[in-house]
Every structure is written in structure tokens, then in C-alpha cells.
């Protein structure tokens, strides 16, 4: 399970399992990477719910 983040100058991919962590990043500043991580952690439940709705098992 993962989530993609797009910024003005780049993008990143974060794994949600087994824990939330940066998988890769291109063009984003350290500040943008950290802000995206904070937002993913803050909205983890909603992101996971959307994932399961989009990819029912």
C-alpha cells in the first residue's frame, strides 16, 4: 500500500506498510517531503479507507 504526492516541482511516493516511510522522491525539497509525511500521518485513516474502496479485496 502506498500513496503518491505531487508538488509544484516534483513528486514522491510513500509506503504505508509496514510503516509510513518515503519510498522515493524527485524534485521536492526536504521541507516539502517532511510536510507531505506529516499530512499522510495526520490523514492516514482517510488514505487507507480510500485505498480499500479503490482496491477492494
N, C-alpha and C. Protein backbone atom coordinates (compact mmCIF):
# COMPACT_ATOMS: atom_id res chain seq x y z
N UNK A 1 0.85 -1.16 0.00
CA UNK A 1 0.00 0.00 0.00
C UNK A 1 0.91 1.24 0.00
N UNK A 2 0.59 2.18 -0.88
CA UNK A 2 1.40 3.38 -0.98
C UNK A 2 0.54 4.56 -1.43
N UNK A 3 1.13 5.74 -1.35
CA UNK A 3 0.46 6.95 -1.79
C UNK A 3 1.47 7.81 -2.55
N UNK A 4 1.01 8.46 -3.62
CA UNK A 4 1.84 9.37 -4.39
C UNK A 4 1.50 10.80 -3.99
N UNK A 5 2.52 11.64 -3.94
CA UNK A 5 2.36 13.05 -3.58
C UNK A 5 2.96 13.88 -4.71
N UNK A 6 2.23 14.87 -5.17
CA UNK A 6 2.74 15.77 -6.21
C UNK A 6 2.89 17.16 -5.64
N UNK A 7 4.04 17.75 -5.90
CA UNK A 7 4.30 19.12 -5.50
C UNK A 7 4.50 19.97 -6.75
N UNK A 8 4.76 21.23 -6.55
CA UNK A 8 4.93 22.13 -7.67
C UNK A 8 6.16 21.77 -8.52
N UNK A 9 7.21 21.27 -7.87
CA UNK A 9 8.46 20.99 -8.57
C UNK A 9 8.86 19.52 -8.60
N UNK A 10 7.99 18.64 -8.14
CA UNK A 10 8.37 17.24 -8.13
C UNK A 10 7.29 16.35 -7.55
N UNK A 11 7.70 15.15 -7.20
CA UNK A 11 6.76 14.17 -6.65
C UNK A 11 7.48 13.19 -5.74
N UNK A 12 6.68 12.46 -4.97
CA UNK A 12 7.23 11.47 -4.05
C UNK A 12 6.24 10.31 -3.91
N UNK A 13 6.77 9.21 -3.45
CA UNK A 13 5.96 8.02 -3.16
C UNK A 13 6.28 7.62 -1.73
N UNK A 14 5.23 7.35 -0.96
CA UNK A 14 5.38 6.92 0.44
C UNK A 14 4.73 5.57 0.61
N UNK A 15 5.44 4.65 1.22
CA UNK A 15 4.86 3.37 1.62
C UNK A 15 4.01 3.62 2.85
N UNK A 16 2.88 2.92 2.94
CA UNK A 16 2.03 2.97 4.14
C UNK A 16 2.23 1.74 5.00
N UNK A 17 2.80 0.69 4.41
CA UNK A 17 3.01 -0.55 5.14
C UNK A 17 4.41 -1.07 4.89
N UNK A 18 5.08 -1.64 5.83
CA UNK A 18 4.59 -1.93 7.17
C UNK A 18 4.50 -0.68 8.06
N UNK A 19 5.15 0.42 7.62
CA UNK A 19 5.02 1.69 8.34
C UNK A 19 5.12 2.80 7.30
N UNK A 20 4.70 3.98 7.66
CA UNK A 20 4.76 5.10 6.73
C UNK A 20 6.21 5.54 6.59
N UNK A 21 6.70 5.51 5.33
CA UNK A 21 8.07 5.96 5.07
C UNK A 21 8.21 6.35 3.61
N UNK A 22 9.15 7.22 3.34
CA UNK A 22 9.43 7.69 1.99
C UNK A 22 10.02 6.55 1.17
N UNK A 23 9.44 6.28 0.01
CA UNK A 23 9.97 5.28 -0.90
C UNK A 23 10.92 5.94 -1.90
N UNK A 24 10.48 7.05 -2.48
CA UNK A 24 11.32 7.78 -3.43
C UNK A 24 10.79 9.19 -3.59
N UNK A 25 11.67 10.07 -4.05
CA UNK A 25 11.31 11.46 -4.23
C UNK A 25 12.15 12.06 -5.35
N UNK A 26 11.53 12.89 -6.18
CA UNK A 26 12.23 13.59 -7.25
C UNK A 26 11.78 15.04 -7.25
N UNK A 27 12.71 15.95 -7.06
CA UNK A 27 12.42 17.38 -7.20
C UNK A 27 11.82 18.08 -6.01
N UNK A 28 11.47 17.37 -4.96
CA UNK A 28 10.88 18.01 -3.78
C UNK A 28 11.97 18.38 -2.79
N UNK A 29 11.77 19.49 -2.11
CA UNK A 29 12.71 19.90 -1.07
C UNK A 29 12.49 19.04 0.18
N UNK A 30 13.46 19.05 1.08
CA UNK A 30 13.34 18.32 2.34
C UNK A 30 12.11 18.82 3.10
N UNK A 31 11.87 20.12 3.05
CA UNK A 31 10.71 20.70 3.73
C UNK A 31 9.40 20.14 3.16
N UNK A 32 9.31 20.05 1.83
CA UNK A 32 8.11 19.51 1.19
C UNK A 32 7.93 18.03 1.53
N UNK A 33 9.02 17.29 1.55
CA UNK A 33 8.97 15.86 1.90
C UNK A 33 8.46 15.68 3.33
N UNK A 34 8.97 16.49 4.23
CA UNK A 34 8.54 16.39 5.64
C UNK A 34 7.09 16.82 5.82
N UNK A 35 6.66 17.85 5.09
CA UNK A 35 5.27 18.30 5.18
C UNK A 35 4.33 17.23 4.63
N UNK A 36 4.71 16.60 3.53
CA UNK A 36 3.89 15.52 2.98
C UNK A 36 3.79 14.38 3.98
N UNK A 37 4.89 14.02 4.60
CA UNK A 37 4.89 12.95 5.61
C UNK A 37 3.95 13.30 6.76
N UNK A 38 4.01 14.53 7.22
CA UNK A 38 3.15 14.97 8.32
C UNK A 38 1.67 14.85 7.92
N UNK A 39 1.34 15.28 6.70
CA UNK A 39 -0.04 15.21 6.23
C UNK A 39 -0.51 13.77 6.06
N UNK A 40 0.35 12.91 5.57
CA UNK A 40 -0.01 11.49 5.42
C UNK A 40 -0.27 10.88 6.79
N UNK A 41 0.58 11.18 7.75
CA UNK A 41 0.38 10.65 9.10
C UNK A 41 -0.92 11.18 9.70
N UNK A 42 -1.19 12.45 9.48
CA UNK A 42 -2.40 13.08 10.02
C UNK A 42 -3.67 12.50 9.40
N UNK A 43 -3.60 12.11 8.13
CA UNK A 43 -4.78 11.63 7.40
C UNK A 43 -4.70 10.15 7.04
N UNK A 44 -3.90 9.41 7.79
CA UNK A 44 -3.67 8.00 7.48
C UNK A 44 -4.97 7.20 7.37
N UNK A 45 -5.89 7.39 8.29
CA UNK A 45 -7.14 6.63 8.26
C UNK A 45 -7.91 6.88 6.96
N UNK A 46 -8.02 8.15 6.56
CA UNK A 46 -8.75 8.50 5.34
C UNK A 46 -8.05 7.94 4.10
N UNK A 47 -6.74 7.98 4.07
CA UNK A 47 -5.98 7.46 2.94
C UNK A 47 -6.18 5.96 2.83
N UNK A 48 -6.08 5.26 3.95
CA UNK A 48 -6.28 3.80 3.93
C UNK A 48 -7.71 3.45 3.52
N UNK A 49 -8.68 4.19 3.99
CA UNK A 49 -10.08 3.94 3.63
C UNK A 49 -10.28 4.11 2.13
N UNK A 50 -9.68 5.16 1.56
CA UNK A 50 -9.80 5.40 0.12
C UNK A 50 -9.11 4.29 -0.67
N UNK A 51 -7.98 3.82 -0.16
CA UNK A 51 -7.25 2.72 -0.83
C UNK A 51 -8.14 1.48 -0.90
N UNK A 52 -8.73 1.10 0.23
CA UNK A 52 -9.56 -0.11 0.26
C UNK A 52 -10.81 0.04 -0.57
N UNK A 53 -11.34 1.24 -0.68
CA UNK A 53 -12.51 1.49 -1.52
C UNK A 53 -12.13 1.35 -3.00
N UNK A 54 -10.93 1.84 -3.35
CA UNK A 54 -10.48 1.79 -4.74
C UNK A 54 -10.00 0.40 -5.15
N UNK A 55 -9.38 -0.31 -4.18
CA UNK A 55 -8.85 -1.65 -4.44
C UNK A 55 -9.50 -2.66 -3.48
N UNK A 56 -10.78 -2.98 -3.67
CA UNK A 56 -11.43 -3.94 -2.76
C UNK A 56 -10.79 -5.32 -2.91
N UNK A 57 -10.66 -6.02 -1.77
CA UNK A 57 -10.04 -7.35 -1.84
C UNK A 57 -10.99 -8.46 -1.65
